[in-house]
Amino acid sequence: MLKVKDYEIKWTHFHPKIVDGFEVTDFGNGTSRCVLSNTRRKTAGIGMTRCSINDNFSYETGRKISLSRAMQRAELPKEERTLIWEAYRNMTEKPRW
């Protein structure tokens, strides 16, 4: 979970299940979901992304895309989006992109 200003951001990731040696899934190679809520626990925006069956699942890529979609749906002002991206960049181990 990431807390920025008046917002909480949570991610969940779903992966394919292996049953008897076969992948059983409705999520391609995986799905990431981001829920952006304010401090009053009211959901401001939800973003989802699905990994293609031709790609390898990446937590980082899933977080970035789903966060971007959640902020877009929440219609946040540019200043708040900038604060959230800065906090996200500082949250991850990799350097800024």
N, C-alpha and C. Protein backbone atom coordinates (compact mmCIF):
# COMPACT_ATOMS: atom_id res chain seq x y z
N MET A 1 0.85 -1.18 0.00
CA MET A 1 0.00 0.00 0.00
C MET A 1 0.90 1.24 0.00
N LEU A 2 0.42 2.24 -0.66
CA LEU A 2 1.12 3.52 -0.77
C LEU A 2 0.18 4.61 -0.29
N LYS A 3 0.67 5.48 0.59
CA LYS A 3 -0.13 6.61 1.08
C LYS A 3 0.50 7.90 0.59
N VAL A 4 -0.33 8.72 -0.04
CA VAL A 4 0.11 10.01 -0.57
C VAL A 4 -0.97 11.03 -0.27
N LYS A 5 -0.60 12.07 0.44
CA LYS A 5 -1.51 13.16 0.76
C LYS A 5 -2.80 12.58 1.36
N ASP A 6 -3.93 12.73 0.68
CA ASP A 6 -5.21 12.23 1.17
C ASP A 6 -5.62 10.91 0.52
N TYR A 7 -4.68 10.22 -0.11
CA TYR A 7 -5.02 9.02 -0.87
C TYR A 7 -4.27 7.79 -0.38
N GLU A 8 -4.93 6.63 -0.51
CA GLU A 8 -4.33 5.33 -0.29
C GLU A 8 -4.42 4.55 -1.59
N ILE A 9 -3.33 3.89 -1.95
CA ILE A 9 -3.29 3.15 -3.20
C ILE A 9 -2.92 1.71 -2.87
N LYS A 10 -3.75 0.77 -3.32
CA LYS A 10 -3.51 -0.65 -3.07
C LYS A 10 -3.54 -1.42 -4.39
N TRP A 11 -2.62 -2.37 -4.50
CA TRP A 11 -2.57 -3.22 -5.68
C TRP A 11 -2.85 -4.66 -5.30
N THR A 12 -3.50 -5.38 -6.20
CA THR A 12 -3.62 -6.83 -6.09
C THR A 12 -3.24 -7.41 -7.45
N HIS A 13 -2.64 -8.59 -7.41
CA HIS A 13 -2.19 -9.24 -8.63
C HIS A 13 -2.75 -10.66 -8.66
N PHE A 14 -3.22 -11.10 -9.82
CA PHE A 14 -3.76 -12.44 -10.00
C PHE A 14 -2.91 -13.16 -11.03
N HIS A 15 -2.59 -14.41 -10.75
CA HIS A 15 -1.78 -15.21 -11.66
C HIS A 15 -2.56 -16.44 -12.11
N PRO A 16 -2.15 -17.02 -13.24
CA PRO A 16 -2.80 -18.25 -13.69
C PRO A 16 -2.58 -19.38 -12.67
N LYS A 17 -3.53 -20.28 -12.59
CA LYS A 17 -3.40 -21.45 -11.74
C LYS A 17 -2.98 -22.63 -12.60
N ILE A 18 -2.15 -23.50 -12.03
CA ILE A 18 -1.73 -24.71 -12.71
C ILE A 18 -2.52 -25.88 -12.13
N VAL A 19 -3.28 -26.58 -12.96
CA VAL A 19 -4.06 -27.74 -12.53
C VAL A 19 -3.69 -28.90 -13.43
N ASP A 20 -3.15 -29.94 -12.86
CA ASP A 20 -2.74 -31.13 -13.61
C ASP A 20 -1.82 -30.77 -14.77
N GLY A 21 -0.91 -29.83 -14.56
CA GLY A 21 0.06 -29.47 -15.58
C GLY A 21 -0.45 -28.47 -16.62
N PHE A 22 -1.70 -28.05 -16.51
CA PHE A 22 -2.26 -27.10 -17.47
C PHE A 22 -2.62 -25.80 -16.76
N GLU A 23 -2.43 -24.68 -17.48
CA GLU A 23 -2.83 -23.39 -16.92
C GLU A 23 -4.33 -23.22 -17.07
N VAL A 24 -4.98 -22.86 -15.97
CA VAL A 24 -6.42 -22.61 -15.98
C VAL A 24 -6.63 -21.19 -15.51
N THR A 25 -7.05 -20.31 -16.41
CA THR A 25 -7.19 -18.91 -16.02
C THR A 25 -8.10 -18.16 -16.98
N ASP A 26 -8.68 -17.10 -16.47
CA ASP A 26 -9.43 -16.15 -17.28
C ASP A 26 -8.66 -14.84 -17.38
N PHE A 27 -7.43 -14.82 -16.85
CA PHE A 27 -6.68 -13.58 -16.72
C PHE A 27 -5.48 -13.50 -17.65
N GLY A 28 -5.40 -14.30 -18.71
CA GLY A 28 -4.20 -14.28 -19.55
C GLY A 28 -3.02 -14.77 -18.74
N ASN A 29 -1.91 -14.06 -18.80
CA ASN A 29 -0.74 -14.41 -17.99
C ASN A 29 -0.74 -13.72 -16.64
N GLY A 30 -1.76 -12.98 -16.33
CA GLY A 30 -1.86 -12.31 -15.04
C GLY A 30 -2.60 -10.99 -15.16
N THR A 31 -3.12 -10.53 -14.03
CA THR A 31 -3.87 -9.28 -13.99
C THR A 31 -3.43 -8.48 -12.78
N SER A 32 -3.35 -7.16 -12.94
CA SER A 32 -3.05 -6.26 -11.83
C SER A 32 -4.22 -5.30 -11.67
N ARG A 33 -4.56 -5.03 -10.42
CA ARG A 33 -5.67 -4.13 -10.11
C ARG A 33 -5.20 -3.11 -9.11
N CYS A 34 -5.52 -1.85 -9.36
CA CYS A 34 -5.15 -0.75 -8.46
C CYS A 34 -6.42 -0.06 -7.98
N VAL A 35 -6.52 0.11 -6.66
CA VAL A 35 -7.65 0.83 -6.09
C VAL A 35 -7.10 2.09 -5.43
N LEU A 36 -7.58 3.22 -5.90
CA LEU A 36 -7.19 4.53 -5.40
C LEU A 36 -8.36 5.06 -4.57
N SER A 37 -8.12 5.23 -3.26
CA SER A 37 -9.20 5.72 -2.40
C SER A 37 -8.70 6.88 -1.55
N ASN A 38 -9.65 7.70 -1.13
CA ASN A 38 -9.27 8.82 -0.27
C ASN A 38 -9.23 8.35 1.18
N THR A 39 -8.82 9.20 2.08
CA THR A 39 -8.65 8.80 3.48
C THR A 39 -9.97 8.45 4.17
N ARG A 40 -11.08 8.81 3.59
CA ARG A 40 -12.38 8.44 4.14
C ARG A 40 -12.83 7.09 3.60
N ARG A 41 -11.89 6.36 2.96
CA ARG A 41 -12.13 5.02 2.40
C ARG A 41 -13.13 5.01 1.25
N LYS A 42 -13.31 6.16 0.63
CA LYS A 42 -14.19 6.23 -0.53
C LYS A 42 -13.35 6.03 -1.78
N THR A 43 -13.75 5.09 -2.61
CA THR A 43 -12.99 4.78 -3.82
C THR A 43 -13.07 5.92 -4.80
N ALA A 44 -11.90 6.40 -5.23
CA ALA A 44 -11.84 7.49 -6.19
C ALA A 44 -11.68 6.94 -7.61
N GLY A 45 -10.94 5.84 -7.76
CA GLY A 45 -10.73 5.26 -9.08
C GLY A 45 -10.15 3.86 -8.97
N ILE A 46 -10.50 3.03 -9.95
CA ILE A 46 -9.98 1.67 -10.03
C ILE A 46 -9.39 1.48 -11.43
N GLY A 47 -8.21 0.91 -11.47
CA GLY A 47 -7.56 0.63 -12.75
C GLY A 47 -7.16 -0.83 -12.82
N MET A 48 -7.37 -1.45 -13.97
CA MET A 48 -6.99 -2.85 -14.16
C MET A 48 -6.19 -3.00 -15.43
N THR A 49 -5.32 -4.00 -15.42
CA THR A 49 -4.56 -4.33 -16.62
C THR A 49 -4.42 -5.84 -16.71
N ARG A 50 -4.46 -6.35 -17.91
CA ARG A 50 -4.34 -7.79 -18.14
C ARG A 50 -3.13 -8.04 -19.03
N CYS A 51 -2.29 -8.98 -18.61
CA CYS A 51 -1.11 -9.34 -19.36
C CYS A 51 -1.50 -10.29 -20.49
N SER A 52 -1.01 -10.02 -21.67
CA SER A 52 -1.29 -10.88 -22.82
C SER A 52 -0.69 -12.26 -22.61
N ILE A 53 -1.27 -13.26 -23.23
CA ILE A 53 -0.71 -14.61 -23.13
C ILE A 53 0.65 -14.70 -23.83
N ASN A 54 0.96 -13.70 -24.67
CA ASN A 54 2.24 -13.69 -25.37
C ASN A 54 3.34 -12.96 -24.59
N ASP A 55 3.00 -12.34 -23.45
CA ASP A 55 3.97 -11.58 -22.66
C ASP A 55 4.24 -12.27 -21.34
N ASN A 56 5.33 -11.88 -20.71
CA ASN A 56 5.64 -12.34 -19.35
C ASN A 56 5.07 -11.34 -18.36
N PHE A 57 4.45 -11.85 -17.30
CA PHE A 57 3.85 -10.99 -16.29
C PHE A 57 4.93 -10.22 -15.53
N SER A 58 4.68 -8.93 -15.28
CA SER A 58 5.61 -8.09 -14.53
C SER A 58 4.80 -7.29 -13.51
N TYR A 59 5.16 -7.45 -12.22
CA TYR A 59 4.48 -6.67 -11.17
C TYR A 59 4.63 -5.17 -11.43
N GLU A 60 5.84 -4.75 -11.76
CA GLU A 60 6.11 -3.32 -11.94
C GLU A 60 5.28 -2.73 -13.08
N THR A 61 5.28 -3.40 -14.22
CA THR A 61 4.50 -2.91 -15.36
C THR A 61 3.02 -2.89 -15.03
N GLY A 62 2.54 -3.93 -14.36
CA GLY A 62 1.13 -3.99 -13.97
C GLY A 62 0.75 -2.87 -13.02
N ARG A 63 1.65 -2.57 -12.06
CA ARG A 63 1.38 -1.47 -11.13
C ARG A 63 1.31 -0.14 -11.85
N LYS A 64 2.26 0.11 -12.75
CA LYS A 64 2.30 1.40 -13.47
C LYS A 64 1.04 1.61 -14.30
N ILE A 65 0.68 0.61 -15.09
CA ILE A 65 -0.48 0.76 -15.98
C ILE A 65 -1.77 0.88 -15.18
N SER A 66 -1.94 0.03 -14.17
CA SER A 66 -3.19 0.08 -13.40
C SER A 66 -3.29 1.38 -12.59
N LEU A 67 -2.16 1.88 -12.07
CA LEU A 67 -2.17 3.17 -11.36
C LEU A 67 -2.54 4.30 -12.29
N SER A 68 -1.97 4.30 -13.48
CA SER A 68 -2.29 5.33 -14.46
C SER A 68 -3.78 5.34 -14.80
N ARG A 69 -4.35 4.15 -14.98
CA ARG A 69 -5.78 4.06 -15.30
C ARG A 69 -6.66 4.47 -14.12
N ALA A 70 -6.25 4.12 -12.91
CA ALA A 70 -7.03 4.52 -11.73
C ALA A 70 -7.04 6.04 -11.57
N MET A 71 -5.88 6.68 -11.78
CA MET A 71 -5.82 8.14 -11.67
C MET A 71 -6.64 8.81 -12.77
N GLN A 72 -6.62 8.21 -13.95
CA GLN A 72 -7.40 8.76 -15.07
C GLN A 72 -8.89 8.71 -14.74
N ARG A 73 -9.36 7.60 -14.20
CA ARG A 73 -10.78 7.46 -13.86
C ARG A 73 -11.18 8.35 -12.69
N ALA A 74 -10.22 8.62 -11.79
CA ALA A 74 -10.51 9.49 -10.64
C ALA A 74 -10.51 10.97 -11.03
N GLU A 75 -10.01 11.29 -12.23
CA GLU A 75 -9.95 12.66 -12.73
C GLU A 75 -9.22 13.58 -11.74
N LEU A 76 -8.04 13.13 -11.29
CA LEU A 76 -7.25 13.93 -10.35
C LEU A 76 -6.57 15.09 -11.07
N PRO A 77 -6.39 16.23 -10.39
CA PRO A 77 -5.64 17.34 -10.98
C PRO A 77 -4.17 16.95 -11.17
N LYS A 78 -3.51 17.62 -12.07
CA LYS A 78 -2.12 17.31 -12.41
C LYS A 78 -1.20 17.35 -11.20
N GLU A 79 -1.40 18.29 -10.30
CA GLU A 79 -0.55 18.42 -9.12
C GLU A 79 -0.61 17.16 -8.25
N GLU A 80 -1.82 16.61 -8.07
CA GLU A 80 -1.97 15.40 -7.26
C GLU A 80 -1.41 14.18 -7.98
N ARG A 81 -1.60 14.10 -9.29
CA ARG A 81 -1.01 12.99 -10.06
C ARG A 81 0.50 13.02 -9.95
N THR A 82 1.09 14.21 -10.02
CA THR A 82 2.55 14.34 -9.91
C THR A 82 3.04 13.86 -8.55
N LEU A 83 2.34 14.23 -7.47
CA LEU A 83 2.72 13.77 -6.13
C LEU A 83 2.65 12.25 -6.02
N ILE A 84 1.62 11.67 -6.60
CA ILE A 84 1.46 10.21 -6.54
C ILE A 84 2.56 9.51 -7.31
N TRP A 85 2.91 10.01 -8.52
CA TRP A 85 3.98 9.39 -9.31
C TRP A 85 5.32 9.51 -8.59
N GLU A 86 5.58 10.65 -7.96
CA GLU A 86 6.84 10.81 -7.22
C GLU A 86 6.92 9.80 -6.06
N ALA A 87 5.82 9.64 -5.34
CA ALA A 87 5.80 8.68 -4.24
C ALA A 87 5.97 7.25 -4.76
N TYR A 88 5.36 6.94 -5.90
CA TYR A 88 5.52 5.61 -6.48
C TYR A 88 6.97 5.36 -6.88
N ARG A 89 7.59 6.32 -7.51
CA ARG A 89 8.98 6.17 -7.93
C ARG A 89 9.90 5.95 -6.74
N ASN A 90 9.61 6.61 -5.63
CA ASN A 90 10.42 6.43 -4.42
C ASN A 90 10.11 5.13 -3.70
N MET A 91 8.95 4.54 -3.99
CA MET A 91 8.54 3.28 -3.35
C MET A 91 9.28 2.09 -3.94
N THR A 92 9.55 2.13 -5.24
CA THR A 92 10.14 0.97 -5.91
C THR A 92 11.67 0.97 -5.78
N GLU A 93 12.24 -0.20 -5.94
CA GLU A 93 13.69 -0.36 -5.81
C GLU A 93 14.45 0.15 -7.03
N LYS A 94 13.82 0.10 -8.19
CA LYS A 94 14.50 0.53 -9.41
C LYS A 94 14.58 2.06 -9.47
N PRO A 95 15.62 2.58 -10.14
CA PRO A 95 15.72 4.04 -10.27
C PRO A 95 14.60 4.60 -11.14
N ARG A 96 14.45 5.89 -11.10
CA ARG A 96 13.40 6.56 -11.89
C ARG A 96 13.53 6.23 -13.36
N TRP A 97 12.39 6.16 -14.03
CA TRP A 97 12.43 5.97 -15.46
C TRP A 97 12.14 7.22 -16.18
